[in-house]
Amino acid sequence: LLLPYADLLWTSVLSVIIGFVLASAFSAIVVYAQELVPGNV
């Protein structure tokens, strides 16, 4: 929500924070789903 209103320095800082935090979801989502439906990896 802050990113569109930031200057160049803070845009780069916010993009790094966003990338780090948001990226952690996908591995957890895939493994969570595989454990919900075992045998269909």
PDB file of all heavy atoms in Angstrom:
ATOM      1  N   LEU A   1       0.820  -1.213   0.000  1.00  0.00           N
ATOM      2  CA  LEU A   1       0.000   0.000   0.000  1.00  0.00           C
ATOM      3  C   LEU A   1       0.854   1.264   0.000  1.00  0.00           C
ATOM      4  O   LEU A   1       0.434   2.316  -0.522  1.00  0.00           O
ATOM      5  CB  LEU A   1      -0.935  -0.002   1.212  1.00  0.00           C
ATOM      6  CG  LEU A   1      -2.056  -1.056   1.184  1.00  0.00           C
ATOM      7  CD1 LEU A   1      -2.740  -1.152   2.538  1.00  0.00           C
ATOM      8  CD2 LEU A   1      -3.078  -0.723   0.099  1.00  0.00           C
ATOM      9  N   LEU A   2       2.059   1.180   0.553  1.00  0.00           N
ATOM     10  CA  LEU A   2       2.961   2.340   0.588  1.00  0.00           C
ATOM     11  C   LEU A   2       3.740   2.521  -0.714  1.00  0.00           C
ATOM     12  O   LEU A   2       4.114   3.648  -1.069  1.00  0.00           O
ATOM     13  CB  LEU A   2       3.960   2.189   1.743  1.00  0.00           C
ATOM     14  CG  LEU A   2       3.433   2.417   3.162  1.00  0.00           C
ATOM     15  CD1 LEU A   2       4.494   2.022   4.190  1.00  0.00           C
ATOM     16  CD2 LEU A   2       3.028   3.876   3.359  1.00  0.00           C
ATOM     17  N   LEU A   3       4.002   1.423  -1.434  1.00  0.00           N
ATOM     18  CA  LEU A   3       4.909   1.448  -2.582  1.00  0.00           C
ATOM     19  C   LEU A   3       4.581   2.512  -3.630  1.00  0.00           C
ATOM     20  O   LEU A   3       5.492   3.213  -4.094  1.00  0.00           O
ATOM     21  CB  LEU A   3       4.960   0.055  -3.236  1.00  0.00           C
ATOM     22  CG  LEU A   3       5.935  -0.084  -4.408  1.00  0.00           C
ATOM     23  CD1 LEU A   3       7.383   0.031  -3.931  1.00  0.00           C
ATOM     24  CD2 LEU A   3       5.731  -1.412  -5.123  1.00  0.00           C
ATOM     25  N   PRO A   4       3.320   2.691  -4.069  1.00  0.00           N
ATOM     26  CA  PRO A   4       3.060   3.676  -5.144  1.00  0.00           C
ATOM     27  C   PRO A   4       3.388   5.114  -4.770  1.00  0.00           C
ATOM     28  O   PRO A   4       3.484   5.978  -5.656  1.00  0.00           O
ATOM     29  CB  PRO A   4       1.546   3.514  -5.391  1.00  0.00           C
ATOM     30  CG  PRO A   4       1.197   2.172  -4.841  1.00  0.00           C
ATOM     31  CD  PRO A   4       2.107   1.973  -3.679  1.00  0.00           C
ATOM     32  N   TYR A   5       3.558   5.412  -3.476  1.00  0.00           N
ATOM     33  CA  TYR A   5       3.753   6.793  -3.034  1.00  0.00           C
ATOM     34  C   TYR A   5       5.183   7.053  -2.561  1.00  0.00           C
ATOM     35  O   TYR A   5       5.488   8.151  -2.083  1.00  0.00           O
ATOM     36  CB  TYR A   5       2.762   7.104  -1.899  1.00  0.00           C
ATOM     37  CG  TYR A   5       1.347   6.740  -2.260  1.00  0.00           C
ATOM     38  CD1 TYR A   5       0.758   5.578  -1.771  1.00  0.00           C
ATOM     39  CD2 TYR A   5       0.601   7.543  -3.126  1.00  0.00           C
ATOM     40  CE1 TYR A   5      -0.530   5.216  -2.121  1.00  0.00           C
ATOM     41  CE2 TYR A   5      -0.691   7.195  -3.482  1.00  0.00           C
ATOM     42  CZ  TYR A   5      -1.252   6.032  -2.974  1.00  0.00           C
ATOM     43  OH  TYR A   5      -2.534   5.683  -3.337  1.00  0.00           O
ATOM     44  N   ALA A   6       6.072   6.071  -2.712  1.00  0.00           N
ATOM     45  CA  ALA A   6       7.444   6.196  -2.211  1.00  0.00           C
ATOM     46  C   ALA A   6       8.361   6.821  -3.259  1.00  0.00           C
ATOM     47  O   ALA A   6       8.082   6.782  -4.463  1.00  0.00           O
ATOM     48  CB  ALA A   6       7.963   4.820  -1.805  1.00  0.00           C
ATOM     49  N   ASP A   7       9.497   7.394  -2.788  1.00  0.00           N
ATOM     50  CA  ASP A   7      10.527   7.870  -3.708  1.00  0.00           C
ATOM     51  C   ASP A   7      11.384   6.681  -4.156  1.00  0.00           C
ATOM     52  O   ASP A   7      11.118   5.532  -3.777  1.00  0.00           O
ATOM     53  CB  ASP A   7      11.378   8.961  -3.061  1.00  0.00           C
ATOM     54  CG  ASP A   7      12.094   8.494  -1.787  1.00  0.00           C
ATOM     55  OD1 ASP A   7      12.233   7.261  -1.585  1.00  0.00           O
ATOM     56  OD2 ASP A   7      12.520   9.361  -0.993  1.00  0.00           O
ATOM     57  N   LEU A   8      12.412   6.950  -4.963  1.00  0.00           N
ATOM     58  CA  LEU A   8      13.186   5.858  -5.550  1.00  0.00           C
ATOM     59  C   LEU A   8      13.860   4.995  -4.478  1.00  0.00           C
ATOM     60  O   LEU A   8      13.826   3.758  -4.560  1.00  0.00           O
ATOM     61  CB  LEU A   8      14.243   6.417  -6.509  1.00  0.00           C
ATOM     62  CG  LEU A   8      15.150   5.379  -7.189  1.00  0.00           C
ATOM     63  CD1 LEU A   8      14.334   4.390  -8.007  1.00  0.00           C
ATOM     64  CD2 LEU A   8      16.185   6.077  -8.073  1.00  0.00           C
ATOM     65  N   LEU A   9      14.468   5.629  -3.472  1.00  0.00           N
ATOM     66  CA  LEU A   9      15.148   4.870  -2.423  1.00  0.00           C
ATOM     67  C   LEU A   9      14.171   3.954  -1.692  1.00  0.00           C
ATOM     68  O   LEU A   9      14.420   2.752  -1.537  1.00  0.00           O
ATOM     69  CB  LEU A   9      15.821   5.822  -1.427  1.00  0.00           C
ATOM     70  CG  LEU A   9      16.426   5.160  -0.183  1.00  0.00           C
ATOM     71  CD1 LEU A   9      17.542   4.188  -0.577  1.00  0.00           C
ATOM     72  CD2 LEU A   9      16.952   6.221   0.795  1.00  0.00           C
ATOM     73  N   TRP A  10      13.051   4.518  -1.260  1.00  0.00           N
ATOM     74  CA  TRP A  10      12.083   3.723  -0.506  1.00  0.00           C
ATOM     75  C   TRP A  10      11.342   2.736  -1.387  1.00  0.00           C
ATOM     76  O   TRP A  10      10.894   1.678  -0.906  1.00  0.00           O
ATOM     77  CB  TRP A  10      11.106   4.631   0.240  1.00  0.00           C
ATOM     78  CG  TRP A  10      11.716   5.152   1.507  1.00  0.00           C
ATOM     79  CD1 TRP A  10      12.196   6.405   1.739  1.00  0.00           C
ATOM     80  CD2 TRP A  10      11.952   4.401   2.692  1.00  0.00           C
ATOM     81  NE1 TRP A  10      12.726   6.499   3.008  1.00  0.00           N
ATOM     82  CE2 TRP A  10      12.579   5.275   3.624  1.00  0.00           C
ATOM     83  CE3 TRP A  10      11.708   3.081   3.073  1.00  0.00           C
ATOM     84  CZ2 TRP A  10      12.954   4.855   4.892  1.00  0.00           C
ATOM     85  CZ3 TRP A  10      12.080   2.666   4.347  1.00  0.00           C
ATOM     86  CH2 TRP A  10      12.689   3.550   5.240  1.00  0.00           C
ATOM     87  N   THR A  11      11.217   3.033  -2.668  1.00  0.00           N
ATOM     88  CA  THR A  11      10.640   2.053  -3.597  1.00  0.00           C
ATOM     89  C   THR A  11      11.511   0.801  -3.642  1.00  0.00           C
ATOM     90  O   THR A  11      11.003  -0.330  -3.595  1.00  0.00           O
ATOM     91  CB  THR A  11      10.505   2.647  -5.008  1.00  0.00           C
ATOM     92  OG1 THR A  11       9.550   3.717  -4.988  1.00  0.00           O
ATOM     93  CG2 THR A  11      10.039   1.594  -6.012  1.00  0.00           C
ATOM     94  N   SER A  12      12.829   0.991  -3.721  1.00  0.00           N
ATOM     95  CA  SER A  12      13.738  -0.160  -3.758  1.00  0.00           C
ATOM     96  C   SER A  12      13.712  -0.916  -2.435  1.00  0.00           C
ATOM     97  O   SER A  12      13.705  -2.154  -2.417  1.00  0.00           O
ATOM     98  CB  SER A  12      15.164   0.286  -4.085  1.00  0.00           C
ATOM     99  OG  SER A  12      15.669   1.157  -3.087  1.00  0.00           O
ATOM    100  N   VAL A  13      13.650  -0.188  -1.308  1.00  0.00           N
ATOM    101  CA  VAL A  13      13.603  -0.837   0.010  1.00  0.00           C
ATOM    102  C   VAL A  13      12.303  -1.623   0.171  1.00  0.00           C
ATOM    103  O   VAL A  13      12.302  -2.794   0.591  1.00  0.00           O
ATOM    104  CB  VAL A  13      13.744   0.202   1.142  1.00  0.00           C
ATOM    105  CG1 VAL A  13      13.476  -0.441   2.505  1.00  0.00           C
ATOM    106  CG2 VAL A  13      15.132   0.829   1.118  1.00  0.00           C
ATOM    107  N   LEU A  14      11.189  -0.986  -0.163  1.00  0.00           N
ATOM    108  CA  LEU A  14       9.885  -1.642  -0.019  1.00  0.00           C
ATOM    109  C   LEU A  14       9.764  -2.857  -0.939  1.00  0.00           C
ATOM    110  O   LEU A  14       9.188  -3.884  -0.549  1.00  0.00           O
ATOM    111  CB  LEU A  14       8.759  -0.652  -0.317  1.00  0.00           C
ATOM    112  CG  LEU A  14       8.524   0.439   0.741  1.00  0.00           C
ATOM    113  CD1 LEU A  14       7.537   1.476   0.223  1.00  0.00           C
ATOM    114  CD2 LEU A  14       8.011  -0.173   2.036  1.00  0.00           C
ATOM    115  N   SER A  15      10.303  -2.757  -2.153  1.00  0.00           N
ATOM    116  CA  SER A  15      10.217  -3.886  -3.077  1.00  0.00           C
ATOM    117  C   SER A  15      10.993  -5.090  -2.553  1.00  0.00           C
ATOM    118  O   SER A  15      10.560  -6.239  -2.730  1.00  0.00           O
ATOM    119  CB  SER A  15      10.722  -3.487  -4.471  1.00  0.00           C
ATOM    120  OG  SER A  15      12.121  -3.247  -4.462  1.00  0.00           O
ATOM    121  N   VAL A  16      12.121  -4.843  -1.884  1.00  0.00           N
ATOM    122  CA  VAL A  16      12.897  -5.938  -1.287  1.00  0.00           C
ATOM    123  C   VAL A  16      12.105  -6.591  -0.145  1.00  0.00           C
ATOM    124  O   VAL A  16      12.035  -7.825  -0.042  1.00  0.00           O
ATOM    125  CB  VAL A  16      14.264  -5.420  -0.777  1.00  0.00           C
ATOM    126  CG1 VAL A  16      14.935  -6.463   0.110  1.00  0.00           C
ATOM    127  CG2 VAL A  16      15.169  -5.087  -1.963  1.00  0.00           C
ATOM    128  N   ILE A  17      11.496  -5.771   0.718  1.00  0.00           N
ATOM    129  CA  ILE A  17      10.681  -6.312   1.815  1.00  0.00           C
ATOM    130  C   ILE A  17       9.505  -7.107   1.269  1.00  0.00           C
ATOM    131  O   ILE A  17       9.209  -8.221   1.721  1.00  0.00           O
ATOM    132  CB  ILE A  17      10.179  -5.176   2.725  1.00  0.00           C
ATOM    133  CG1 ILE A  17      11.362  -4.477   3.402  1.00  0.00           C
ATOM    134  CG2 ILE A  17       9.200  -5.715   3.777  1.00  0.00           C
ATOM    135  CD1 ILE A  17      10.974  -3.214   4.156  1.00  0.00           C
ATOM    136  N   ILE A  18       8.831  -6.553   0.264  1.00  0.00           N
ATOM    137  CA  ILE A  18       7.684  -7.226  -0.345  1.00  0.00           C
ATOM    138  C   ILE A  18       8.105  -8.563  -0.949  1.00  0.00           C
ATOM    139  O   ILE A  18       7.453  -9.593  -0.743  1.00  0.00           O
ATOM    140  CB  ILE A  18       7.043  -6.319  -1.422  1.00  0.00           C
ATOM    141  CG1 ILE A  18       6.345  -5.125  -0.758  1.00  0.00           C
ATOM    142  CG2 ILE A  18       6.046  -7.109  -2.280  1.00  0.00           C
ATOM    143  CD1 ILE A  18       5.965  -4.027  -1.736  1.00  0.00           C
ATOM    144  N   GLY A  19       9.197  -8.559  -1.692  1.00  0.00           N
ATOM    145  CA  GLY A  19       9.671  -9.789  -2.319  1.00  0.00           C
ATOM    146  C   GLY A  19      10.010 -10.861  -1.307  1.00  0.00           C
ATOM    147  O   GLY A  19       9.633 -12.028  -1.463  1.00  0.00           O
ATOM    148  N   PHE A  20      10.696 -10.472  -0.221  1.00  0.00           N
ATOM    149  CA  PHE A  20      11.110 -11.436   0.808  1.00  0.00           C
ATOM    150  C   PHE A  20       9.910 -12.047   1.523  1.00  0.00           C
ATOM    151  O   PHE A  20       9.811 -13.266   1.678  1.00  0.00           O
ATOM    152  CB  PHE A  20      12.030 -10.749   1.814  1.00  0.00           C
ATOM    153  CG  PHE A  20      12.551 -11.679   2.875  1.00  0.00           C
ATOM    154  CD1 PHE A  20      13.683 -12.446   2.656  1.00  0.00           C
ATOM    155  CD2 PHE A  20      11.902 -11.791   4.094  1.00  0.00           C
ATOM    156  CE1 PHE A  20      14.164 -13.309   3.621  1.00  0.00           C
ATOM    157  CE2 PHE A  20      12.376 -12.650   5.075  1.00  0.00           C
ATOM    158  CZ  PHE A  20      13.511 -13.413   4.838  1.00  0.00           C
ATOM    159  N   VAL A  21       8.983 -11.203   1.962  1.00  0.00           N
ATOM    160  CA  VAL A  21       7.848 -11.689   2.755  1.00  0.00           C
ATOM    161  C   VAL A  21       6.870 -12.464   1.881  1.00  0.00           C
ATOM    162  O   VAL A  21       6.426 -13.565   2.241  1.00  0.00           O
ATOM    163  CB  VAL A  21       7.139 -10.513   3.454  1.00  0.00           C
ATOM    164  CG1 VAL A  21       5.903 -11.005   4.209  1.00  0.00           C
ATOM    165  CG2 VAL A  21       8.088  -9.805   4.415  1.00  0.00           C
ATOM    166  N   LEU A  22       6.526 -11.927   0.723  1.00  0.00           N
ATOM    167  CA  LEU A  22       5.516 -12.550  -0.127  1.00  0.00           C
ATOM    168  C   LEU A  22       5.972 -13.890  -0.686  1.00  0.00           C
ATOM    169  O   LEU A  22       5.171 -14.816  -0.856  1.00  0.00           O
ATOM    170  CB  LEU A  22       5.154 -11.591  -1.268  1.00  0.00           C
ATOM    171  CG  LEU A  22       3.906 -11.896  -2.096  1.00  0.00           C
ATOM    172  CD1 LEU A  22       2.666 -11.969  -1.218  1.00  0.00           C
ATOM    173  CD2 LEU A  22       3.720 -10.834  -3.183  1.00  0.00           C
ATOM    174  N   ALA A  23       7.273 -14.030  -0.948  1.00  0.00           N
ATOM    175  CA  ALA A  23       7.789 -15.241  -1.590  1.00  0.00           C
ATOM    176  C   ALA A  23       7.698 -16.472  -0.697  1.00  0.00           C
ATOM    177  O   ALA A  23       7.656 -17.596  -1.196  1.00  0.00           O
ATOM    178  CB  ALA A  23       9.237 -15.032  -2.020  1.00  0.00           C
ATOM    179  N   SER A  24       7.678 -16.278   0.615  1.00  0.00           N
ATOM    180  CA  SER A  24       7.686 -17.430   1.516  1.00  0.00           C
ATOM    181  C   SER A  24       6.403 -18.243   1.443  1.00  0.00           C
ATOM    182  O   SER A  24       6.350 -19.366   1.957  1.00  0.00           O
ATOM    183  CB  SER A  24       7.933 -16.962   2.953  1.00  0.00           C
ATOM    184  OG  SER A  24       6.903 -16.087   3.380  1.00  0.00           O
ATOM    185  N   ALA A  25       5.361 -17.705   0.796  1.00  0.00           N
ATOM    186  CA  ALA A  25       4.055 -18.377   0.785  1.00  0.00           C
ATOM    187  C   ALA A  25       4.016 -19.602  -0.110  1.00  0.00           C
ATOM    188  O   ALA A  25       3.399 -20.611   0.247  1.00  0.00           O
ATOM    189  CB  ALA A  25       2.970 -17.391   0.344  1.00  0.00           C
ATOM    190  N   PHE A  26       4.657 -19.565  -1.277  1.00  0.00           N
ATOM    191  CA  PHE A  26       4.361 -20.567  -2.293  1.00  0.00           C
ATOM    192  C   PHE A  26       4.789 -21.977  -1.887  1.00  0.00           C
ATOM    193  O   PHE A  26       4.031 -22.938  -2.087  1.00  0.00           O
ATOM    194  CB  PHE A  26       4.987 -20.190  -3.641  1.00  0.00           C
ATOM    195  CG  PHE A  26       4.510 -21.065  -4.759  1.00  0.00           C
ATOM    196  CD1 PHE A  26       3.211 -20.981  -5.216  1.00  0.00           C
ATOM    197  CD2 PHE A  26       5.357 -21.991  -5.353  1.00  0.00           C
ATOM    198  CE1 PHE A  26       2.755 -21.795  -6.242  1.00  0.00           C
ATOM    199  CE2 PHE A  26       4.918 -22.802  -6.371  1.00  0.00           C
ATOM    200  CZ  PHE A  26       3.612 -22.705  -6.818  1.00  0.00           C
ATOM    201  N   SER A  27       5.990 -22.127  -1.338  1.00  0.00           N
ATOM    202  CA  SER A  27       6.429 -23.453  -0.905  1.00  0.00           C
ATOM    203  C   SER A  27       5.462 -24.024   0.127  1.00  0.00           C
ATOM    204  O   SER A  27       5.112 -25.213   0.093  1.00  0.00           O
ATOM    205  CB  SER A  27       7.841 -23.387  -0.318  1.00  0.00           C
ATOM    206  OG  SER A  27       8.774 -23.015  -1.299  1.00  0.00           O
ATOM    207  N   ALA A  28       5.039 -23.172   1.069  1.00  0.00           N
ATOM    208  CA  ALA A  28       4.096 -23.610   2.103  1.00  0.00           C
ATOM    209  C   ALA A  28       2.763 -24.021   1.488  1.00  0.00           C
ATOM    210  O   ALA A  28       2.154 -25.012   1.906  1.00  0.00           O
ATOM    211  CB  ALA A  28       3.893 -22.495   3.133  1.00  0.00           C
ATOM    212  N   ILE A  29       2.298 -23.278   0.482  1.00  0.00           N
ATOM    213  CA  ILE A  29       1.025 -23.597  -0.173  1.00  0.00           C
ATOM    214  C   ILE A  29       1.107 -24.947  -0.873  1.00  0.00           C
ATOM    215  O   ILE A  29       0.200 -25.790  -0.754  1.00  0.00           O
ATOM    216  CB  ILE A  29       0.637 -22.476  -1.158  1.00  0.00           C
ATOM    217  CG1 ILE A  29       0.190 -21.223  -0.401  1.00  0.00           C
ATOM    218  CG2 ILE A  29      -0.470 -22.943  -2.105  1.00  0.00           C
ATOM    219  CD1 ILE A  29      -0.046 -20.015  -1.281  1.00  0.00           C
ATOM    220  N   VAL A  30       2.189 -25.193  -1.615  1.00  0.00           N
ATOM    221  CA  VAL A  30       2.320 -26.451  -2.365  1.00  0.00           C
ATOM    222  C   VAL A  30       2.386 -27.646  -1.415  1.00  0.00           C
ATOM    223  O   VAL A  30       1.674 -28.647  -1.608  1.00  0.00           O
ATOM    224  CB  VAL A  30       3.573 -26.416  -3.277  1.00  0.00           C
ATOM    225  CG1 VAL A  30       3.826 -27.788  -3.886  1.00  0.00           C
ATOM    226  CG2 VAL A  30       3.389 -25.384  -4.384  1.00  0.00           C
ATOM    227  N   VAL A  31       3.216 -27.560  -0.375  1.00  0.00           N
ATOM    228  CA  VAL A  31       3.346 -28.677   0.563  1.00  0.00           C
ATOM    229  C   VAL A  31       2.037 -28.890   1.337  1.00  0.00           C
ATOM    230  O   VAL A  31       1.609 -30.028   1.558  1.00  0.00           O
ATOM    231  CB  VAL A  31       4.520 -28.447   1.537  1.00  0.00           C
ATOM    232  CG1 VAL A  31       4.594 -29.564   2.571  1.00  0.00           C
ATOM    233  CG2 VAL A  31       5.834 -28.380   0.761  1.00  0.00           C
ATOM    234  N   TYR A  32       1.384 -27.796   1.745  1.00  0.00           N
ATOM    235  CA  TYR A  32       0.086 -27.884   2.426  1.00  0.00           C
ATOM    236  C   TYR A  32      -0.906 -28.649   1.551  1.00  0.00           C
ATOM    237  O   TYR A  32      -1.590 -29.570   2.014  1.00  0.00           O
ATOM    238  CB  TYR A  32      -0.416 -26.466   2.706  1.00  0.00           C
ATOM    239  CG  TYR A  32      -1.681 -26.362   3.541  1.00  0.00           C
ATOM    240  CD1 TYR A  32      -1.623 -25.953   4.859  1.00  0.00           C
ATOM    241  CD2 TYR A  32      -2.925 -26.638   3.002  1.00  0.00           C
ATOM    242  CE1 TYR A  32      -2.773 -25.829   5.626  1.00  0.00           C
ATOM    243  CE2 TYR A  32      -4.081 -26.526   3.759  1.00  0.00           C
ATOM    244  CZ  TYR A  32      -3.992 -26.115   5.074  1.00  0.00           C
ATOM    245  OH  TYR A  32      -5.142 -26.012   5.824  1.00  0.00           O
ATOM    246  N   ALA A  33      -0.981 -28.276   0.271  1.00  0.00           N
ATOM    247  CA  ALA A  33      -1.922 -28.932  -0.642  1.00  0.00           C
ATOM    248  C   ALA A  33      -1.558 -30.397  -0.872  1.00  0.00           C
ATOM    249  O   ALA A  33      -2.438 -31.263  -0.938  1.00  0.00           O
ATOM    250  CB  ALA A  33      -1.963 -28.181  -1.971  1.00  0.00           C
ATOM    251  N   GLN A  34      -0.265 -30.708  -1.001  1.00  0.00           N
ATOM    252  CA  GLN A  34       0.165 -32.091  -1.206  1.00  0.00           C
ATOM    253  C   GLN A  34      -0.175 -32.965  -0.002  1.00  0.00           C
ATOM    254  O   GLN A  34      -0.482 -34.147  -0.150  1.00  0.00           O
ATOM    255  CB  GLN A  34       1.660 -32.137  -1.505  1.00  0.00           C
ATOM    256  CG  GLN A  34       2.025 -31.618  -2.888  1.00  0.00           C
ATOM    257  CD  GLN A  34       3.517 -31.525  -3.132  1.00  0.00           C
ATOM    258  OE1 GLN A  34       4.311 -31.436  -2.183  1.00  0.00           O
ATOM    259  NE2 GLN A  34       3.927 -31.532  -4.383  1.00  0.00           N
ATOM    260  N   GLU A  35      -0.143 -32.394   1.194  1.00  0.00           N
ATOM    261  CA  GLU A  35      -0.487 -33.160   2.385  1.00  0.00           C
ATOM    262  C   GLU A  35      -1.996 -33.295   2.556  1.00  0.00           C
ATOM    263  O   GLU A  35      -2.466 -34.226   3.210  1.00  0.00           O
ATOM    264  CB  GLU A  35       0.163 -32.520   3.616  1.00  0.00           C
ATOM    265  CG  GLU A  35       1.684 -32.677   3.585  1.00  0.00           C
ATOM    266  CD  GLU A  35       2.405 -31.948   4.710  1.00  0.00           C
ATOM    267  OE1 GLU A  35       1.747 -31.097   5.379  1.00  0.00           O
ATOM    268  OE2 GLU A  35       3.594 -32.201   4.923  1.00  0.00           O
ATOM    269  N   LEU A  36      -2.757 -32.378   1.969  1.00  0.00           N
ATOM    270  CA  LEU A  36      -4.213 -32.529   1.955  1.00  0.00           C
ATOM    271  C   LEU A  36      -4.653 -33.642   1.011  1.00  0.00           C
ATOM    272  O   LEU A  36      -5.651 -34.315   1.260  1.00  0.00           O
ATOM    273  CB  LEU A  36      -4.885 -31.211   1.529  1.00  0.00           C
ATOM    274  CG  LEU A  36      -4.914 -30.066   2.540  1.00  0.00           C
ATOM    275  CD1 LEU A  36      -5.514 -28.826   1.889  1.00  0.00           C
ATOM    276  CD2 LEU A  36      -5.715 -30.446   3.783  1.00  0.00           C
ATOM    277  N   VAL A  37      -3.899 -33.824  -0.085  1.00  0.00           N
ATOM    278  CA  VAL A  37      -4.258 -34.821  -1.102  1.00  0.00           C
ATOM    279  C   VAL A  37      -3.054 -35.726  -1.349  1.00  0.00           C
ATOM    280  O   VAL A  37      -2.409 -35.648  -2.403  1.00  0.00           O
ATOM    281  CB  VAL A  37      -4.710 -34.149  -2.415  1.00  0.00           C
ATOM    282  CG1 VAL A  37      -5.374 -35.166  -3.340  1.00  0.00           C
ATOM    283  CG2 VAL A  37      -5.665 -32.991  -2.151  1.00  0.00           C
ATOM    284  N   PRO A  38      -2.704 -36.595  -0.411  1.00  0.00           N
ATOM    285  CA  PRO A  38      -1.527 -37.461  -0.583  1.00  0.00           C
ATOM    286  C   PRO A  38      -1.724 -38.445  -1.726  1.00  0.00           C
ATOM    287  O   PRO A  38      -2.854 -38.810  -2.056  1.00  0.00           O
ATOM    288  CB  PRO A  38      -1.424 -38.189   0.766  1.00  0.00           C
ATOM    289  CG  PRO A  38      -2.806 -38.163   1.320  1.00  0.00           C
ATOM    290  CD  PRO A  38      -3.406 -36.863   0.862  1.00  0.00           C
ATOM    291  N   GLY A  39      -0.615 -38.847  -2.340  1.00  0.00           N
ATOM    292  CA  GLY A  39      -0.693 -39.783  -3.455  1.00  0.00           C
ATOM    293  C   GLY A  39      -0.884 -39.116  -4.800  1.00  0.00           C
ATOM    294  O   GLY A  39      -0.925 -39.788  -5.836  1.00  0.00           O
ATOM    295  N   ASN A  40      -1.017 -37.786  -4.810  1.00  0.00           N
ATOM    296  CA  ASN A  40      -1.185 -37.037  -6.066  1.00  0.00           C
ATOM    297  C   ASN A  40      -0.193 -35.878  -6.109  1.00  0.00           C
ATOM    298  O   ASN A  40      -0.561 -34.737  -6.409  1.00  0.00           O
ATOM    299  CB  ASN A  40      -2.621 -36.516  -6.195  1.00  0.00           C
ATOM    300  CG  ASN A  40      -3.626 -37.622  -6.388  1.00  0.00           C
ATOM    301  OD1 ASN A  40      -3.849 -38.111  -7.492  1.00  0.00           O
ATOM    302  ND2 ASN A  40      -4.242 -38.052  -5.291  1.00  0.00           N
ATOM    303  N   VAL A  41       1.056 -36.188  -5.791  1.00  0.00           N
ATOM    304  CA  VAL A  41       2.088 -35.164  -5.672  1.00  0.00           C
ATOM    305  C   VAL A  41       2.258 -34.390  -6.978  1.00  0.00           C
ATOM    306  O   VAL A  41       2.290 -33.159  -7.001  1.00  0.00           O
ATOM    307  CB  VAL A  41       3.432 -35.800  -5.253  1.00  0.00           C
ATOM    308  CG1 VAL A  41       4.556 -34.774  -5.311  1.00  0.00           C
ATOM    309  CG2 VAL A  41       3.320 -36.392  -3.860  1.00  0.00           C
TER     310      VAL A  41
END
